[in-house]
Amino acid sequence: MSSNEQALLDKLKALPERQRAEVEDFVDFLAAKARKRDAFDRLLAIAPALEAEGIEPMSDAEVVAEVKAVRAERRARREKEQTK
């Protein structure tokens, strides 16, 4: 572990429990943001191949419908996991 990492851990340990929870929430937020950015970058990376194959881009309405479907699927999966 680097000295910077140790210093960060020491600072975290010095915080009250409530603030540590806030730090954890912020770290989760940053991780989710990075995952979304990575997913977007992967999506953009395939765009030239799709265009080369002559595949038409999705309309705004199709994108909205796809996002809603994925969110509904995730919500259902979370609810199922919570009932276990």
C-alpha atoms as a PDB file:
ATOM      1  CA  MET A   1       0.000   0.000   0.000  1.00  0.00           C
ATOM      2  CA  SER A   2       1.344   3.402  -0.924  1.00  0.00           C
ATOM      3  CA  SER A   3       1.814   6.176   1.599  1.00  0.00           C
ATOM      4  CA  ASN A   4      -0.982   8.154  -0.121  1.00  0.00           C
ATOM      5  CA  GLU A   5      -3.376   5.236   0.280  1.00  0.00           C
ATOM      6  CA  GLN A   6      -2.412   4.829   3.931  1.00  0.00           C
ATOM      7  CA  ALA A   7      -2.888   8.546   4.560  1.00  0.00           C
ATOM      8  CA  LEU A   8      -6.337   8.362   2.981  1.00  0.00           C
ATOM      9  CA  LEU A   9      -7.269   5.368   5.125  1.00  0.00           C
ATOM     10  CA  ASP A  10      -6.056   7.173   8.239  1.00  0.00           C
ATOM     11  CA  LYS A  11      -8.195  10.190   7.396  1.00  0.00           C
ATOM     12  CA  LEU A  12     -11.190   7.948   6.741  1.00  0.00           C
ATOM     13  CA  LYS A  13     -10.763   6.177  10.073  1.00  0.00           C
ATOM     14  CA  ALA A  14     -10.653   9.538  11.851  1.00  0.00           C
ATOM     15  CA  LEU A  15     -14.088  10.532  10.543  1.00  0.00           C
ATOM     16  CA  PRO A  16     -17.276   9.950  12.511  1.00  0.00           C
ATOM     17  CA  GLU A  17     -19.357   6.974  11.331  1.00  0.00           C
ATOM     18  CA  ARG A  18     -21.933   9.181   9.584  1.00  0.00           C
ATOM     19  CA  GLN A  19     -19.280  10.923   7.498  1.00  0.00           C
ATOM     20  CA  ARG A  20     -17.653   7.575   6.639  1.00  0.00           C
ATOM     21  CA  ALA A  21     -21.038   6.517   5.281  1.00  0.00           C
ATOM     22  CA  GLU A  22     -21.135   9.679   3.168  1.00  0.00           C
ATOM     23  CA  VAL A  23     -17.654   8.908   1.844  1.00  0.00           C
ATOM     24  CA  GLU A  24     -18.780   5.380   0.973  1.00  0.00           C
ATOM     25  CA  ASP A  25     -21.810   6.767  -0.876  1.00  0.00           C
ATOM     26  CA  PHE A  26     -19.562   9.141  -2.798  1.00  0.00           C
ATOM     27  CA  VAL A  27     -17.160   6.336  -3.723  1.00  0.00           C
ATOM     28  CA  ASP A  28     -20.134   4.271  -4.939  1.00  0.00           C
ATOM     29  CA  PHE A  29     -21.277   7.260  -6.999  1.00  0.00           C
ATOM     30  CA  LEU A  30     -17.825   7.637  -8.566  1.00  0.00           C
ATOM     31  CA  ALA A  31     -17.669   3.927  -9.364  1.00  0.00           C
ATOM     32  CA  ALA A  32     -21.111   4.011 -11.013  1.00  0.00           C
ATOM     33  CA  LYS A  33     -20.102   7.084 -12.992  1.00  0.00           C
ATOM     34  CA  ALA A  34     -16.968   5.290 -14.221  1.00  0.00           C
ATOM     35  CA  ARG A  35     -19.004   2.205 -15.221  1.00  0.00           C
ATOM     36  CA  LYS A  36     -21.429   4.375 -17.193  1.00  0.00           C
ATOM     37  CA  ARG A  37     -18.566   6.187 -18.912  1.00  0.00           C
ATOM     38  CA  ASP A  38     -16.914   2.878 -19.805  1.00  0.00           C
ATOM     39  CA  ALA A  39     -20.183   1.501 -21.176  1.00  0.00           C
ATOM     40  CA  PHE A  40     -20.679   4.630 -23.265  1.00  0.00           C
ATOM     41  CA  ASP A  41     -17.122   4.399 -24.600  1.00  0.00           C
ATOM     42  CA  ARG A  42     -17.686   0.737 -25.566  1.00  0.00           C
ATOM     43  CA  LEU A  43     -20.891   1.726 -27.314  1.00  0.00           C
ATOM     44  CA  LEU A  44     -19.160   4.468 -29.269  1.00  0.00           C
ATOM     45  CA  ALA A  45     -16.353   2.084 -30.201  1.00  0.00           C
ATOM     46  CA  ILE A  46     -18.742  -0.177 -32.126  1.00  0.00           C
ATOM     47  CA  ALA A  47     -20.472   2.657 -33.991  1.00  0.00           C
ATOM     48  CA  PRO A  48     -18.099   2.543 -37.008  1.00  0.00           C
ATOM     49  CA  ALA A  49     -18.616  -1.216 -37.386  1.00  0.00           C
ATOM     50  CA  LEU A  50     -22.383  -0.794 -37.274  1.00  0.00           C
ATOM     51  CA  GLU A  51     -22.229   1.958 -39.865  1.00  0.00           C
ATOM     52  CA  ALA A  52     -19.986  -0.171 -42.093  1.00  0.00           C
ATOM     53  CA  GLU A  53     -22.572  -2.960 -41.927  1.00  0.00           C
ATOM     54  CA  GLY A  54     -25.303  -0.549 -42.991  1.00  0.00           C
ATOM     55  CA  ILE A  55     -27.195  -0.853 -39.721  1.00  0.00           C
ATOM     56  CA  GLU A  56     -29.434   2.145 -39.194  1.00  0.00           C
ATOM     57  CA  PRO A  57     -29.062   4.094 -35.941  1.00  0.00           C
ATOM     58  CA  MET A  58     -31.857   3.776 -33.420  1.00  0.00           C
ATOM     59  CA  SER A  59     -34.396   6.570 -33.242  1.00  0.00           C
ATOM     60  CA  ASP A  60     -34.750   8.600 -30.058  1.00  0.00           C
ATOM     61  CA  ALA A  61     -37.996   6.767 -29.312  1.00  0.00           C
ATOM     62  CA  GLU A  62     -36.272   3.382 -29.722  1.00  0.00           C
ATOM     63  CA  VAL A  63     -33.470   4.439 -27.384  1.00  0.00           C
ATOM     64  CA  VAL A  64     -35.963   5.626 -24.766  1.00  0.00           C
ATOM     65  CA  ALA A  65     -37.911   2.362 -25.038  1.00  0.00           C
ATOM     66  CA  GLU A  66     -34.721   0.310 -24.693  1.00  0.00           C
ATOM     67  CA  VAL A  67     -33.592   2.265 -21.632  1.00  0.00           C
ATOM     68  CA  LYS A  68     -37.007   1.850 -20.016  1.00  0.00           C
ATOM     69  CA  ALA A  69     -36.945  -1.898 -20.691  1.00  0.00           C
ATOM     70  CA  VAL A  70     -33.484  -2.318 -19.173  1.00  0.00           C
ATOM     71  CA  ARG A  71     -34.423  -0.270 -16.115  1.00  0.00           C
ATOM     72  CA  ALA A  72     -37.609  -2.314 -15.629  1.00  0.00           C
ATOM     73  CA  GLU A  73     -35.586  -5.529 -15.892  1.00  0.00           C
ATOM     74  CA  ARG A  74     -33.053  -4.304 -13.324  1.00  0.00           C
ATOM     75  CA  ARG A  75     -35.823  -3.162 -10.994  1.00  0.00           C
ATOM     76  CA  ALA A  76     -37.533  -6.565 -11.237  1.00  0.00           C
ATOM     77  CA  ARG A  77     -34.241  -8.356 -10.599  1.00  0.00           C
ATOM     78  CA  ARG A  78     -33.528  -6.188  -7.518  1.00  0.00           C
ATOM     79  CA  GLU A  79     -37.033  -6.770  -6.160  1.00  0.00           C
ATOM     80  CA  LYS A  80     -36.631 -10.514  -6.682  1.00  0.00           C
ATOM     81  CA  GLU A  81     -33.282 -10.481  -4.862  1.00  0.00           C
ATOM     82  CA  GLN A  82     -34.753  -8.508  -1.964  1.00  0.00           C
ATOM     83  CA  THR A  83     -37.546 -11.039  -1.460  1.00  0.00           C
ATOM     84  CA  LYS A  84     -35.094 -13.927  -1.078  1.00  0.00           C
END
